[in-house]
Amino acid sequence: WSKALMAGSGDQPFGTVGYGTAISHDGTSWVAVGDPLFEIAVNKGTILYSTDAVTWTSALMADSGTQPFGVSGMGNAIYNNGTSWVAVGDNRNSTDAGTILYSTNAVTWTSGQMADGSQPFGTTGWGNAIYHDGTSWVAVGNNVVADESNNILYSTDAATWFSAQMADSGTQPFGT
């Protein structure tokens, strides 16, 4: 094994104390998500991309140029469906980043929103897993505020998300 490094600095990708949580490949690019444990200011990121799996670069938000998942956030899962990437994570209550992010190039990312304009998984929740079945995206996560329980979300475009309901009761999966 050889150590992967950040482009330009030669530093460790998620910092000296951070860690990666998931990785995906689309045939051309690698994308990794993780938690730099507050080392973002020193060229670490929550979403990293690479074309050779050796040299990595921090991805940025398309609208602001800031770190995905915010300054103290972390990425938990990543998936590529052949045309788009979707990452879920924890923005740690940051107002400058979302909990579901999507990209078509792995370099710049955009926050997904609920159909009503609110934050996926509420204001204090996070995403744990993401999958695409060829038609729809499905994300699962945790929301710690009972009246904002969006635990299973679905989308056809990765930009607009809807809360899933139990078929028999119309209530939130995993309770409120």
C-alpha atoms as a PDB file:
ATOM      1  CA  TRP A   1       0.000   0.000   0.000  1.00  0.00           C
ATOM      2  CA  SER A   2       1.035   3.574  -0.625  1.00  0.00           C
ATOM      3  CA  LYS A   3      -0.196   6.685   1.158  1.00  0.00           C
ATOM      4  CA  ALA A   4      -2.614   8.953  -0.719  1.00  0.00           C
ATOM      5  CA  LEU A   5      -1.967  12.688  -0.393  1.00  0.00           C
ATOM      6  CA  MET A   6      -3.722  16.021  -0.893  1.00  0.00           C
ATOM      7  CA  ALA A   7      -2.877  17.823  -4.135  1.00  0.00           C
ATOM      8  CA  GLY A   8      -0.549  20.778  -3.608  1.00  0.00           C
ATOM      9  CA  SER A   9       0.235  20.219   0.068  1.00  0.00           C
ATOM     10  CA  GLY A  10       1.142  16.540   0.318  1.00  0.00           C
ATOM     11  CA  ASP A  11      -0.897  16.314   3.530  1.00  0.00           C
ATOM     12  CA  GLN A  12      -3.070  13.383   4.561  1.00  0.00           C
ATOM     13  CA  PRO A  13      -6.502  13.586   2.868  1.00  0.00           C
ATOM     14  CA  PHE A  14      -8.686  13.852   5.987  1.00  0.00           C
ATOM     15  CA  GLY A  15      -6.012  15.398   8.195  1.00  0.00           C
ATOM     16  CA  THR A  16      -3.837  13.993  10.930  1.00  0.00           C
ATOM     17  CA  VAL A  17      -6.765  13.002  13.154  1.00  0.00           C
ATOM     18  CA  GLY A  18      -9.649  12.798  10.646  1.00  0.00           C
ATOM     19  CA  TYR A  19     -11.002   9.713   8.894  1.00  0.00           C
ATOM     20  CA  GLY A  20     -12.788   8.580   5.757  1.00  0.00           C
ATOM     21  CA  THR A  21     -16.228   6.984   5.944  1.00  0.00           C
ATOM     22  CA  ALA A  22     -17.113   5.970   2.362  1.00  0.00           C
ATOM     23  CA  ILE A  23     -15.769   5.909  -1.185  1.00  0.00           C
ATOM     24  CA  SER A  24     -17.244   5.504  -4.665  1.00  0.00           C
ATOM     25  CA  HIS A  25     -15.931   5.305  -8.244  1.00  0.00           C
ATOM     26  CA  ASP A  26     -17.669   6.057 -11.542  1.00  0.00           C
ATOM     27  CA  GLY A  27     -15.091   4.558 -13.893  1.00  0.00           C
ATOM     28  CA  THR A  28     -13.150   7.828 -14.130  1.00  0.00           C
ATOM     29  CA  SER A  29     -13.113   9.584 -10.768  1.00  0.00           C
ATOM     30  CA  TRP A  30     -12.934   8.543  -7.150  1.00  0.00           C
ATOM     31  CA  VAL A  31     -14.945  10.424  -4.504  1.00  0.00           C
ATOM     32  CA  ALA A  32     -14.389   9.929  -0.784  1.00  0.00           C
ATOM     33  CA  VAL A  33     -16.340  11.390   2.123  1.00  0.00           C
ATOM     34  CA  GLY A  34     -15.276  11.673   5.727  1.00  0.00           C
ATOM     35  CA  ASP A  35     -14.597  13.824   8.745  1.00  0.00           C
ATOM     36  CA  PRO A  36     -11.467  16.002   8.900  1.00  0.00           C
ATOM     37  CA  LEU A  37     -12.200  16.647  12.592  1.00  0.00           C
ATOM     38  CA  PHE A  38     -12.014  20.433  12.353  1.00  0.00           C
ATOM     39  CA  GLU A  39      -8.911  20.545  10.118  1.00  0.00           C
ATOM     40  CA  ILE A  40     -10.830  22.050   7.170  1.00  0.00           C
ATOM     41  CA  ALA A  41      -8.959  25.338   7.482  1.00  0.00           C
ATOM     42  CA  VAL A  42      -5.687  23.564   6.654  1.00  0.00           C
ATOM     43  CA  ASN A  43      -6.651  22.146   3.231  1.00  0.00           C
ATOM     44  CA  LYS A  44      -8.773  19.210   4.369  1.00  0.00           C
ATOM     45  CA  GLY A  45     -12.330  18.565   3.264  1.00  0.00           C
ATOM     46  CA  THR A  46     -15.442  16.529   3.871  1.00  0.00           C
ATOM     47  CA  ILE A  47     -15.687  15.482   0.202  1.00  0.00           C
ATOM     48  CA  LEU A  48     -12.510  14.714  -1.737  1.00  0.00           C
ATOM     49  CA  TYR A  49     -12.063  13.693  -5.382  1.00  0.00           C
ATOM     50  CA  SER A  50      -9.271  12.081  -7.384  1.00  0.00           C
ATOM     51  CA  THR A  51      -8.728  10.678 -10.868  1.00  0.00           C
ATOM     52  CA  ASP A  52      -5.816   8.429  -9.862  1.00  0.00           C
ATOM     53  CA  ALA A  53      -6.637   7.475  -6.212  1.00  0.00           C
ATOM     54  CA  VAL A  54      -3.223   8.855  -5.212  1.00  0.00           C
ATOM     55  CA  THR A  55      -3.625  12.638  -5.271  1.00  0.00           C
ATOM     56  CA  TRP A  56      -6.817  14.089  -3.763  1.00  0.00           C
ATOM     57  CA  THR A  57      -8.464  17.529  -3.909  1.00  0.00           C
ATOM     58  CA  SER A  58     -11.150  19.060  -1.672  1.00  0.00           C
ATOM     59  CA  ALA A  59     -14.505  19.550  -3.376  1.00  0.00           C
ATOM     60  CA  LEU A  60     -16.407  22.809  -2.846  1.00  0.00           C
ATOM     61  CA  MET A  61     -20.002  24.031  -2.805  1.00  0.00           C
ATOM     62  CA  ALA A  62     -21.033  25.423  -6.213  1.00  0.00           C
ATOM     63  CA  ASP A  63     -22.843  28.474  -4.823  1.00  0.00           C
ATOM     64  CA  SER A  64     -20.405  29.638  -2.144  1.00  0.00           C
ATOM     65  CA  GLY A  65     -17.035  27.950  -2.658  1.00  0.00           C
ATOM     66  CA  THR A  66     -17.182  26.692   0.932  1.00  0.00           C
ATOM     67  CA  GLN A  67     -16.661  23.161   2.227  1.00  0.00           C
ATOM     68  CA  PRO A  68     -19.453  20.623   1.693  1.00  0.00           C
ATOM     69  CA  PHE A  69     -21.319  19.858   4.946  1.00  0.00           C
ATOM     70  CA  GLY A  70     -20.025  23.096   6.496  1.00  0.00           C
ATOM     71  CA  VAL A  71     -16.960  24.001   8.501  1.00  0.00           C
ATOM     72  CA  SER A  72     -17.416  21.337  11.162  1.00  0.00           C
ATOM     73  CA  GLY A  73     -19.476  18.780   9.239  1.00  0.00           C
ATOM     74  CA  MET A  74     -18.729  15.331   7.904  1.00  0.00           C
ATOM     75  CA  GLY A  75     -19.694  13.103   5.006  1.00  0.00           C
ATOM     76  CA  ASN A  76     -21.160   9.684   5.857  1.00  0.00           C
ATOM     77  CA  ALA A  77     -21.979   8.038   2.518  1.00  0.00           C
ATOM     78  CA  ILE A  78     -21.491   8.574  -1.238  1.00  0.00           C
ATOM     79  CA  TYR A  79     -23.051   6.972  -4.326  1.00  0.00           C
ATOM     80  CA  ASN A  80     -22.726   7.434  -8.087  1.00  0.00           C
ATOM     81  CA  ASN A  81     -25.492   6.353 -10.470  1.00  0.00           C
ATOM     82  CA  GLY A  82     -23.455   6.831 -13.649  1.00  0.00           C
ATOM     83  CA  THR A  83     -24.356  10.487 -14.207  1.00  0.00           C
ATOM     84  CA  SER A  84     -24.540  12.088 -10.745  1.00  0.00           C
ATOM     85  CA  TRP A  85     -22.977  11.806  -7.326  1.00  0.00           C
ATOM     86  CA  VAL A  86     -25.013  12.116  -4.125  1.00  0.00           C
ATOM     87  CA  ALA A  87     -23.447  12.404  -0.691  1.00  0.00           C
ATOM     88  CA  VAL A  88     -25.179  12.408   2.680  1.00  0.00           C
ATOM     89  CA  GLY A  89     -23.731  13.604   5.938  1.00  0.00           C
ATOM     90  CA  ASP A  90     -23.948  15.818   8.964  1.00  0.00           C
ATOM     91  CA  ASN A  91     -23.609  19.591   8.725  1.00  0.00           C
ATOM     92  CA  ARG A  92     -23.457  19.742  12.539  1.00  0.00           C
ATOM     93  CA  ASN A  93     -26.161  22.409  12.674  1.00  0.00           C
ATOM     94  CA  SER A  94     -24.360  24.638  10.171  1.00  0.00           C
ATOM     95  CA  THR A  95     -26.498  27.044   8.195  1.00  0.00           C
ATOM     96  CA  ASP A  96     -24.020  27.161   5.294  1.00  0.00           C
ATOM     97  CA  ALA A  97     -24.367  23.553   4.142  1.00  0.00           C
ATOM     98  CA  GLY A  98     -26.878  20.786   3.649  1.00  0.00           C
ATOM     99  CA  THR A  99     -27.192  17.164   4.696  1.00  0.00           C
ATOM    100  CA  ILE A 100     -27.779  15.846   1.156  1.00  0.00           C
ATOM    101  CA  LEU A 101     -25.470  17.137  -1.573  1.00  0.00           C
ATOM    102  CA  TYR A 102     -25.324  16.330  -5.289  1.00  0.00           C
ATOM    103  CA  SER A 103     -22.868  16.882  -8.139  1.00  0.00           C
ATOM    104  CA  THR A 104     -22.457  15.945 -11.790  1.00  0.00           C
ATOM    105  CA  ASN A 105     -18.680  16.420 -11.823  1.00  0.00           C
ATOM    106  CA  ALA A 106     -17.501  15.469  -8.286  1.00  0.00           C
ATOM    107  CA  VAL A 107     -15.777  18.874  -8.026  1.00  0.00           C
ATOM    108  CA  THR A 108     -18.609  21.268  -7.154  1.00  0.00           C
ATOM    109  CA  TRP A 109     -21.628  20.334  -5.043  1.00  0.00           C
ATOM    110  CA  THR A 110     -25.157  21.673  -4.467  1.00  0.00           C
ATOM    111  CA  SER A 111     -27.451  21.189  -1.455  1.00  0.00           C
ATOM    112  CA  GLY A 112     -30.588  19.168  -1.995  1.00  0.00           C
ATOM    113  CA  GLN A 113     -33.759  20.522  -0.384  1.00  0.00           C
ATOM    114  CA  MET A 114     -37.086  19.120   0.740  1.00  0.00           C
ATOM    115  CA  ALA A 115     -39.999  19.975  -1.591  1.00  0.00           C
ATOM    116  CA  ASP A 116     -41.151  22.585   0.951  1.00  0.00           C
ATOM    117  CA  GLY A 117     -37.682  24.233   0.953  1.00  0.00           C
ATOM    118  CA  SER A 118     -36.610  22.874   4.331  1.00  0.00           C
ATOM    119  CA  GLN A 119     -33.429  20.976   5.149  1.00  0.00           C
ATOM    120  CA  PRO A 120     -33.401  17.199   4.552  1.00  0.00           C
ATOM    121  CA  PHE A 121     -33.349  15.387   7.920  1.00  0.00           C
ATOM    122  CA  GLY A 122     -34.430  18.624   9.623  1.00  0.00           C
ATOM    123  CA  THR A 123     -32.278  21.278  11.225  1.00  0.00           C
ATOM    124  CA  THR A 124     -30.365  18.943  13.534  1.00  0.00           C
ATOM    125  CA  GLY A 125     -30.321  15.611  11.690  1.00  0.00           C
ATOM    126  CA  TRP A 126     -27.910  13.855   9.357  1.00  0.00           C
ATOM    127  CA  GLY A 127     -27.853  11.375   6.503  1.00  0.00           C
ATOM    128  CA  ASN A 128     -26.375   7.900   6.980  1.00  0.00           C
ATOM    129  CA  ALA A 129     -26.802   6.089   3.649  1.00  0.00           C
ATOM    130  CA  ILE A 130     -27.733   6.771   0.019  1.00  0.00           C
ATOM    131  CA  TYR A 131     -28.694   4.506  -2.904  1.00  0.00           C
ATOM    132  CA  HIS A 132     -30.013   4.793  -6.469  1.00  0.00           C
ATOM    133  CA  ASP A 133     -32.014   1.988  -8.107  1.00  0.00           C
ATOM    134  CA  GLY A 134     -31.901   3.304 -11.672  1.00  0.00           C
ATOM    135  CA  THR A 135     -34.967   5.513 -11.189  1.00  0.00           C
ATOM    136  CA  SER A 136     -34.996   7.052  -7.714  1.00  0.00           C
ATOM    137  CA  TRP A 137     -32.578   8.108  -5.029  1.00  0.00           C
ATOM    138  CA  VAL A 138     -33.305   6.969  -1.465  1.00  0.00           C
ATOM    139  CA  ALA A 139     -31.541   8.415   1.569  1.00  0.00           C
ATOM    140  CA  VAL A 140     -31.853   7.295   5.178  1.00  0.00           C
ATOM    141  CA  GLY A 141     -30.810   9.245   8.210  1.00  0.00           C
ATOM    142  CA  ASN A 142     -31.633  10.527  11.629  1.00  0.00           C
ATOM    143  CA  ASN A 143     -33.544  13.556  12.779  1.00  0.00           C
ATOM    144  CA  VAL A 144     -33.385  14.283  16.472  1.00  0.00           C
ATOM    145  CA  VAL A 145     -36.266  16.794  16.462  1.00  0.00           C
ATOM    146  CA  ALA A 146     -39.549  14.890  16.704  1.00  0.00           C
ATOM    147  CA  ASP A 147     -41.661  17.324  14.703  1.00  0.00           C
ATOM    148  CA  GLU A 148     -39.175  17.293  11.786  1.00  0.00           C
ATOM    149  CA  SER A 149     -38.883  13.514  11.380  1.00  0.00           C
ATOM    150  CA  ASN A 150     -37.651  12.907   7.847  1.00  0.00           C
ATOM    151  CA  ASN A 151     -35.952   9.530   8.299  1.00  0.00           C
ATOM    152  CA  ILE A 152     -36.349   8.043   4.807  1.00  0.00           C
ATOM    153  CA  LEU A 153     -36.265  10.448   1.883  1.00  0.00           C
ATOM    154  CA  TYR A 154     -36.654   9.895  -1.858  1.00  0.00           C
ATOM    155  CA  SER A 155     -35.950  11.917  -5.003  1.00  0.00           C
ATOM    156  CA  THR A 156     -35.877  11.429  -8.759  1.00  0.00           C
ATOM    157  CA  ASP A 157     -33.425  14.271  -9.439  1.00  0.00           C
ATOM    158  CA  ALA A 158     -31.272  14.511  -6.252  1.00  0.00           C
ATOM    159  CA  ALA A 159     -32.236  18.185  -5.931  1.00  0.00           C
ATOM    160  CA  THR A 160     -35.770  17.935  -4.508  1.00  0.00           C
ATOM    161  CA  TRP A 161     -36.522  15.422  -1.758  1.00  0.00           C
ATOM    162  CA  PHE A 162     -39.732  14.019  -0.277  1.00  0.00           C
ATOM    163  CA  SER A 163     -40.381  12.281   3.037  1.00  0.00           C
ATOM    164  CA  ALA A 164     -41.450   8.642   2.832  1.00  0.00           C
ATOM    165  CA  GLN A 165     -44.515   7.485   4.768  1.00  0.00           C
ATOM    166  CA  MET A 166     -45.577   4.115   6.169  1.00  0.00           C
ATOM    167  CA  ALA A 167     -48.090   2.468   3.801  1.00  0.00           C
ATOM    168  CA  ASP A 168     -50.418   1.268   6.562  1.00  0.00           C
ATOM    169  CA  SER A 169     -50.518   4.391   8.738  1.00  0.00           C
ATOM    170  CA  GLY A 170     -49.130   7.331   6.757  1.00  0.00           C
ATOM    171  CA  THR A 171     -46.725   8.053   9.602  1.00  0.00           C
ATOM    172  CA  GLN A 172     -42.965   8.508   9.492  1.00  0.00           C
ATOM    173  CA  PRO A 173     -40.829   5.367   9.218  1.00  0.00           C
ATOM    174  CA  PHE A 174     -38.942   4.645  12.462  1.00  0.00           C
ATOM    175  CA  GLY A 175     -41.358   6.800  14.475  1.00  0.00           C
ATOM    176  CA  THR A 176     -41.593  10.543  15.001  1.00  0.00           C
END
